[in-house]
PDB file of N, CA and C in Angstrom:
ATOM      1  N   MET A   1       1.598  12.549  -4.051  1.00  0.00           N
ATOM      2  CA  MET A   1       1.846  11.372  -3.230  1.00  0.00           C
ATOM      3  C   MET A   1       0.574  11.020  -2.469  1.00  0.00           C
ATOM      4  N   LEU A   2       0.268   9.742  -2.435  1.00  0.00           N
ATOM      5  CA  LEU A   2      -0.877   9.239  -1.678  1.00  0.00           C
ATOM      6  C   LEU A   2      -0.398   8.733  -0.323  1.00  0.00           C
ATOM      7  N   SER A   3      -1.177   8.984   0.712  1.00  0.00           N
ATOM      8  CA  SER A   3      -0.922   8.404   2.030  1.00  0.00           C
ATOM      9  C   SER A   3      -2.176   7.650   2.445  1.00  0.00           C
ATOM     10  N   LEU A   4      -2.002   6.362   2.745  1.00  0.00           N
ATOM     11  CA  LEU A   4      -3.130   5.511   3.106  1.00  0.00           C
ATOM     12  C   LEU A   4      -2.887   4.874   4.459  1.00  0.00           C
ATOM     13  N   LYS A   5      -3.913   4.837   5.286  1.00  0.00           N
ATOM     14  CA  LYS A   5      -3.859   4.150   6.578  1.00  0.00           C
ATOM     15  C   LYS A   5      -4.238   2.693   6.325  1.00  0.00           C
ATOM     16  N   VAL A   6      -3.289   1.789   6.553  1.00  0.00           N
ATOM     17  CA  VAL A   6      -3.468   0.380   6.229  1.00  0.00           C
ATOM     18  C   VAL A   6      -3.348  -0.449   7.503  1.00  0.00           C
ATOM     19  N   SER A   7      -4.320  -1.283   7.778  1.00  0.00           N
ATOM     20  CA  SER A   7      -4.341  -2.104   8.985  1.00  0.00           C
ATOM     21  C   SER A   7      -3.699  -3.462   8.752  1.00  0.00           C
ATOM     22  N   GLY A   8      -3.153  -4.028   9.813  1.00  0.00           N
ATOM     23  CA  GLY A   8      -2.713  -5.411   9.784  1.00  0.00           C
ATOM     24  C   GLY A   8      -1.279  -5.655   9.380  1.00  0.00           C
ATOM     25  N   MET A   9      -0.533  -4.611   9.059  1.00  0.00           N
ATOM     26  CA  MET A   9       0.866  -4.803   8.679  1.00  0.00           C
ATOM     27  C   MET A   9       1.725  -4.922   9.935  1.00  0.00           C
ATOM     28  N   THR A  10       2.527  -5.990  10.005  1.00  0.00           N
ATOM     29  CA  THR A  10       3.339  -6.208  11.199  1.00  0.00           C
ATOM     30  C   THR A  10       4.810  -6.492  10.920  1.00  0.00           C
ATOM     31  N   CYS A  11       5.170  -6.731   9.643  1.00  0.00           N
ATOM     32  CA  CYS A  11       6.550  -7.165   9.375  1.00  0.00           C
ATOM     33  C   CYS A  11       6.965  -6.845   7.946  1.00  0.00           C
ATOM     34  N   GLY A  12       8.190  -7.197   7.634  1.00  0.00           N
ATOM     35  CA  GLY A  12       8.709  -6.988   6.292  1.00  0.00           C
ATOM     36  C   GLY A  12       7.940  -7.748   5.237  1.00  0.00           C
ATOM     37  N   GLY A  13       7.426  -8.916   5.593  1.00  0.00           N
ATOM     38  CA  GLY A  13       6.617  -9.681   4.644  1.00  0.00           C
ATOM     39  C   GLY A  13       5.355  -8.935   4.255  1.00  0.00           C
ATOM     40  N   CYS A  14       4.766  -8.240   5.210  1.00  0.00           N
ATOM     41  CA  CYS A  14       3.574  -7.438   4.933  1.00  0.00           C
ATOM     42  C   CYS A  14       3.923  -6.293   3.990  1.00  0.00           C
ATOM     43  N   ILE A  15       5.055  -5.654   4.248  1.00  0.00           N
ATOM     44  CA  ILE A  15       5.513  -4.565   3.385  1.00  0.00           C
ATOM     45  C   ILE A  15       5.714  -5.081   1.962  1.00  0.00           C
ATOM     46  N   ASN A  16       6.337  -6.241   1.832  1.00  0.00           N
ATOM     47  CA  ASN A  16       6.560  -6.832   0.502  1.00  0.00           C
ATOM     48  C   ASN A  16       5.246  -7.137  -0.201  1.00  0.00           C
ATOM     49  N   ALA A  17       4.273  -7.658   0.526  1.00  0.00           N
ATOM     50  CA  ALA A  17       2.977  -7.993  -0.072  1.00  0.00           C
ATOM     51  C   ALA A  17       2.274  -6.738  -0.582  1.00  0.00           C
ATOM     52  N   VAL A  18       2.293  -5.685   0.208  1.00  0.00           N
ATOM     53  CA  VAL A  18       1.665  -4.426  -0.195  1.00  0.00           C
ATOM     54  C   VAL A  18       2.398  -3.846  -1.407  1.00  0.00           C
ATOM     55  N   THR A  19       3.716  -3.846  -1.353  1.00  0.00           N
ATOM     56  CA  THR A  19       4.517  -3.301  -2.450  1.00  0.00           C
ATOM     57  C   THR A  19       4.269  -4.065  -3.742  1.00  0.00           C
ATOM     58  N   LYS A  20       4.281  -5.389  -3.688  1.00  0.00           N
ATOM     59  CA  LYS A  20       4.066  -6.199  -4.889  1.00  0.00           C
ATOM     60  C   LYS A  20       2.665  -6.002  -5.453  1.00  0.00           C
ATOM     61  N   ALA A  21       1.678  -5.826  -4.580  1.00  0.00           N
ATOM     62  CA  ALA A  21       0.306  -5.612  -5.053  1.00  0.00           C
ATOM     63  C   ALA A  21       0.212  -4.332  -5.876  1.00  0.00           C
ATOM     64  N   ILE A  22       0.872  -3.290  -5.437  1.00  0.00           N
ATOM     65  CA  ILE A  22       0.855  -2.024  -6.163  1.00  0.00           C
ATOM     66  C   ILE A  22       1.715  -2.107  -7.429  1.00  0.00           C
ATOM     67  N   GLN A  23       2.901  -2.715  -7.304  1.00  0.00           N
ATOM     68  CA  GLN A  23       3.804  -2.819  -8.450  1.00  0.00           C
ATOM     69  C   GLN A  23       3.207  -3.618  -9.601  1.00  0.00           C
ATOM     70  N   ALA A  24       2.270  -4.495  -9.319  1.00  0.00           N
ATOM     71  CA  ALA A  24       1.630  -5.277 -10.379  1.00  0.00           C
ATOM     72  C   ALA A  24       0.893  -4.366 -11.362  1.00  0.00           C
ATOM     73  N   GLN A  25       0.392  -3.235 -10.886  1.00  0.00           N
ATOM     74  CA  GLN A  25      -0.347  -2.298 -11.734  1.00  0.00           C
ATOM     75  C   GLN A  25       0.454  -1.056 -12.097  1.00  0.00           C
ATOM     76  N   ASP A  26       1.464  -0.716 -11.269  1.00  0.00           N
ATOM     77  CA  ASP A  26       2.310   0.460 -11.512  1.00  0.00           C
ATOM     78  C   ASP A  26       3.751   0.089 -11.179  1.00  0.00           C
ATOM     79  N   PRO A  27       4.468  -0.480 -12.150  1.00  0.00           N
ATOM     80  CA  PRO A  27       5.841  -0.945 -11.894  1.00  0.00           C
ATOM     81  C   PRO A  27       6.797   0.154 -11.431  1.00  0.00           C
ATOM     82  N   GLY A  28       6.496   1.416 -11.726  1.00  0.00           N
ATOM     83  CA  GLY A  28       7.375   2.511 -11.340  1.00  0.00           C
ATOM     84  C   GLY A  28       7.047   3.140 -10.001  1.00  0.00           C
ATOM     85  N   VAL A  29       6.139   2.553  -9.260  1.00  0.00           N
ATOM     86  CA  VAL A  29       5.699   3.115  -7.983  1.00  0.00           C
ATOM     87  C   VAL A  29       6.850   3.181  -6.976  1.00  0.00           C
ATOM     88  N   ILE A  30       6.825   4.209  -6.144  1.00  0.00           N
ATOM     89  CA  ILE A  30       7.729   4.301  -5.002  1.00  0.00           C
ATOM     90  C   ILE A  30       6.859   4.126  -3.758  1.00  0.00           C
ATOM     91  N   VAL A  31       7.192   3.126  -2.952  1.00  0.00           N
ATOM     92  CA  VAL A  31       6.398   2.781  -1.777  1.00  0.00           C
ATOM     93  C   VAL A  31       7.222   3.009  -0.522  1.00  0.00           C
ATOM     94  N   GLN A  32       6.637   3.703   0.448  1.00  0.00           N
ATOM     95  CA  GLN A  32       7.243   3.868   1.767  1.00  0.00           C
ATOM     96  C   GLN A  32       6.213   3.423   2.794  1.00  0.00           C
ATOM     97  N   VAL A  33       6.638   2.572   3.724  1.00  0.00           N
ATOM     98  CA  VAL A  33       5.726   2.043   4.732  1.00  0.00           C
ATOM     99  C   VAL A  33       6.285   2.338   6.119  1.00  0.00           C
ATOM    100  N   ASP A  34       5.429   2.868   6.987  1.00  0.00           N
ATOM    101  CA  ASP A  34       5.777   3.071   8.392  1.00  0.00           C
ATOM    102  C   ASP A  34       4.919   2.102   9.201  1.00  0.00           C
ATOM    103  N   LEU A  35       5.548   1.018   9.667  1.00  0.00           N
ATOM    104  CA  LEU A  35       4.791   0.009  10.424  1.00  0.00           C
ATOM    105  C   LEU A  35       4.238   0.577  11.726  1.00  0.00           C
ATOM    106  N   GLY A  36       4.935   1.510  12.334  1.00  0.00           N
ATOM    107  CA  GLY A  36       4.490   2.086  13.604  1.00  0.00           C
ATOM    108  C   GLY A  36       3.176   2.827  13.485  1.00  0.00           C
ATOM    109  N   THR A  37       3.041   3.601  12.414  1.00  0.00           N
ATOM    110  CA  THR A  37       1.817   4.384  12.227  1.00  0.00           C
ATOM    111  C   THR A  37       0.833   3.704  11.284  1.00  0.00           C
ATOM    112  N   GLN A  38       1.287   2.608  10.619  1.00  0.00           N
ATOM    113  CA  GLN A  38       0.460   1.890   9.648  1.00  0.00           C
ATOM    114  C   GLN A  38       0.105   2.762   8.447  1.00  0.00           C
ATOM    115  N   ILE A  39       1.022   3.673   8.069  1.00  0.00           N
ATOM    116  CA  ILE A  39       0.814   4.552   6.921  1.00  0.00           C
ATOM    117  C   ILE A  39       1.645   4.058   5.740  1.00  0.00           C
ATOM    118  N   VAL A  40       0.994   3.914   4.593  1.00  0.00           N
ATOM    119  CA  VAL A  40       1.664   3.583   3.339  1.00  0.00           C
ATOM    120  C   VAL A  40       1.629   4.837   2.472  1.00  0.00           C
ATOM    121  N   SER A  41       2.808   5.295   2.073  1.00  0.00           N
ATOM    122  CA  SER A  41       2.917   6.457   1.184  1.00  0.00           C
ATOM    123  C   SER A  41       3.337   5.964  -0.187  1.00  0.00           C
ATOM    124  N   LEU A  42       2.650   6.448  -1.205  1.00  0.00           N
ATOM    125  CA  LEU A  42       2.880   5.988  -2.570  1.00  0.00           C
ATOM    126  C   LEU A  42       3.095   7.157  -3.511  1.00  0.00           C
ATOM    127  N   GLU A  43       4.124   7.059  -4.343  1.00  0.00           N
ATOM    128  CA  GLU A  43       4.267   7.941  -5.501  1.00  0.00           C
ATOM    129  C   GLU A  43       3.885   7.063  -6.684  1.00  0.00           C
ATOM    130  N   THR A  44       2.676   7.265  -7.177  1.00  0.00           N
ATOM    131  CA  THR A  44       2.096   6.355  -8.159  1.00  0.00           C
ATOM    132  C   THR A  44       1.222   7.096  -9.153  1.00  0.00           C
ATOM    133  N   THR A  45       0.980   6.458 -10.274  1.00  0.00           N
ATOM    134  CA  THR A  45       0.047   6.987 -11.266  1.00  0.00           C
ATOM    135  C   THR A  45      -1.374   6.507 -10.996  1.00  0.00           C
ATOM    136  N   LEU A  46      -1.532   5.602 -10.038  1.00  0.00           N
ATOM    137  CA  LEU A  46      -2.848   5.069  -9.703  1.00  0.00           C
ATOM    138  C   LEU A  46      -3.646   6.076  -8.882  1.00  0.00           C
ATOM    139  N   SER A  47      -4.958   5.972  -8.964  1.00  0.00           N
ATOM    140  CA  SER A  47      -5.820   6.793  -8.115  1.00  0.00           C
ATOM    141  C   SER A  47      -5.820   6.214  -6.703  1.00  0.00           C
ATOM    142  N   GLN A  48      -6.303   7.002  -5.760  1.00  0.00           N
ATOM    143  CA  GLN A  48      -6.394   6.519  -4.384  1.00  0.00           C
ATOM    144  C   GLN A  48      -7.309   5.307  -4.301  1.00  0.00           C
ATOM    145  N   ALA A  49      -8.407   5.334  -5.033  1.00  0.00           N
ATOM    146  CA  ALA A  49      -9.350   4.208  -5.012  1.00  0.00           C
ATOM    147  C   ALA A  49      -8.700   2.946  -5.573  1.00  0.00           C
ATOM    148  N   GLN A  50      -7.944   3.085  -6.665  1.00  0.00           N
ATOM    149  CA  GLN A  50      -7.276   1.923  -7.254  1.00  0.00           C
ATOM    150  C   GLN A  50      -6.242   1.340  -6.294  1.00  0.00           C
ATOM    151  N   ALA A  51      -5.424   2.201  -5.716  1.00  0.00           N
ATOM    152  CA  ALA A  51      -4.386   1.744  -4.788  1.00  0.00           C
ATOM    153  C   ALA A  51      -5.016   1.081  -3.564  1.00  0.00           C
ATOM    154  N   SER A  52      -6.069   1.685  -3.034  1.00  0.00           N
ATOM    155  CA  SER A  52      -6.751   1.121  -1.870  1.00  0.00           C
ATOM    156  C   SER A  52      -7.301  -0.265  -2.168  1.00  0.00           C
ATOM    157  N   GLN A  53      -7.894  -0.426  -3.346  1.00  0.00           N
ATOM    158  CA  GLN A  53      -8.463  -1.720  -3.714  1.00  0.00           C
ATOM    159  C   GLN A  53      -7.378  -2.778  -3.850  1.00  0.00           C
ATOM    160  N   LEU A  54      -6.257  -2.435  -4.464  1.00  0.00           N
ATOM    161  CA  LEU A  54      -5.165  -3.395  -4.628  1.00  0.00           C
ATOM    162  C   LEU A  54      -4.618  -3.847  -3.275  1.00  0.00           C
ATOM    163  N   ILE A  55      -4.459  -2.898  -2.354  1.00  0.00           N
ATOM    164  CA  ILE A  55      -3.952  -3.234  -1.020  1.00  0.00           C
ATOM    165  C   ILE A  55      -4.965  -4.081  -0.262  1.00  0.00           C
ATOM    166  N   THR A  56      -6.238  -3.732  -0.351  1.00  0.00           N
ATOM    167  CA  THR A  56      -7.295  -4.508   0.294  1.00  0.00           C
ATOM    168  C   THR A  56      -7.338  -5.924  -0.273  1.00  0.00           C
ATOM    169  N   ASP A  57      -7.223  -6.041  -1.598  1.00  0.00           N
ATOM    170  CA  ASP A  57      -7.222  -7.354  -2.229  1.00  0.00           C
ATOM    171  C   ASP A  57      -6.033  -8.212  -1.785  1.00  0.00           C
ATOM    172  N   ALA A  58      -4.934  -7.557  -1.380  1.00  0.00           N
ATOM    173  CA  ALA A  58      -3.751  -8.263  -0.882  1.00  0.00           C
ATOM    174  C   ALA A  58      -3.928  -8.707   0.573  1.00  0.00           C
ATOM    175  N   GLY A  59      -5.050  -8.312   1.185  1.00  0.00           N
ATOM    176  CA  GLY A  59      -5.347  -8.777   2.529  1.00  0.00           C
ATOM    177  C   GLY A  59      -5.124  -7.758   3.638  1.00  0.00           C
ATOM    178  N   PHE A  60      -4.967  -6.482   3.262  1.00  0.00           N
ATOM    179  CA  PHE A  60      -4.711  -5.451   4.258  1.00  0.00           C
ATOM    180  C   PHE A  60      -5.753  -4.346   4.105  1.00  0.00           C
ATOM    181  N   PRO A  61      -6.698  -4.254   5.049  1.00  0.00           N
ATOM    182  CA  PRO A  61      -7.764  -3.257   4.950  1.00  0.00           C
ATOM    183  C   PRO A  61      -7.223  -1.820   4.978  1.00  0.00           C
ATOM    184  N   VAL A  62      -7.787  -0.985   4.127  1.00  0.00           N
ATOM    185  CA  VAL A  62      -7.414   0.427   4.064  1.00  0.00           C
ATOM    186  C   VAL A  62      -8.542   1.239   4.680  1.00  0.00           C
ATOM    187  N   ALA A  63      -8.187   2.101   5.640  1.00  0.00           N
ATOM    188  CA  ALA A  63      -9.180   2.980   6.278  1.00  0.00           C
ATOM    189  C   ALA A  63      -9.429   4.186   5.391  1.00  0.00           C
ATOM    190  N   ASN A  64     -10.652   4.644   5.355  1.00  0.00           N
ATOM    191  CA  ASN A  64     -10.989   5.827   4.563  1.00  0.00           C
ATOM    192  C   ASN A  64     -10.830   7.073   5.383  1.00  0.00           C
TER     193      ASN A  64
END
């Protein structure tokens, strides 16, 4: 499981945007988002770099 610190998420719409960005490349992904801590947890076949890039491209910066 990957855990990524993602900035700028404030609502369900943000969660949907992040989820859809990942699902576009890994339809079987399991996404869990904690808005309070800004942590996105992923069960995915993607690498951390791939997932980070997809989330960043969706408009949400990922901290390293």
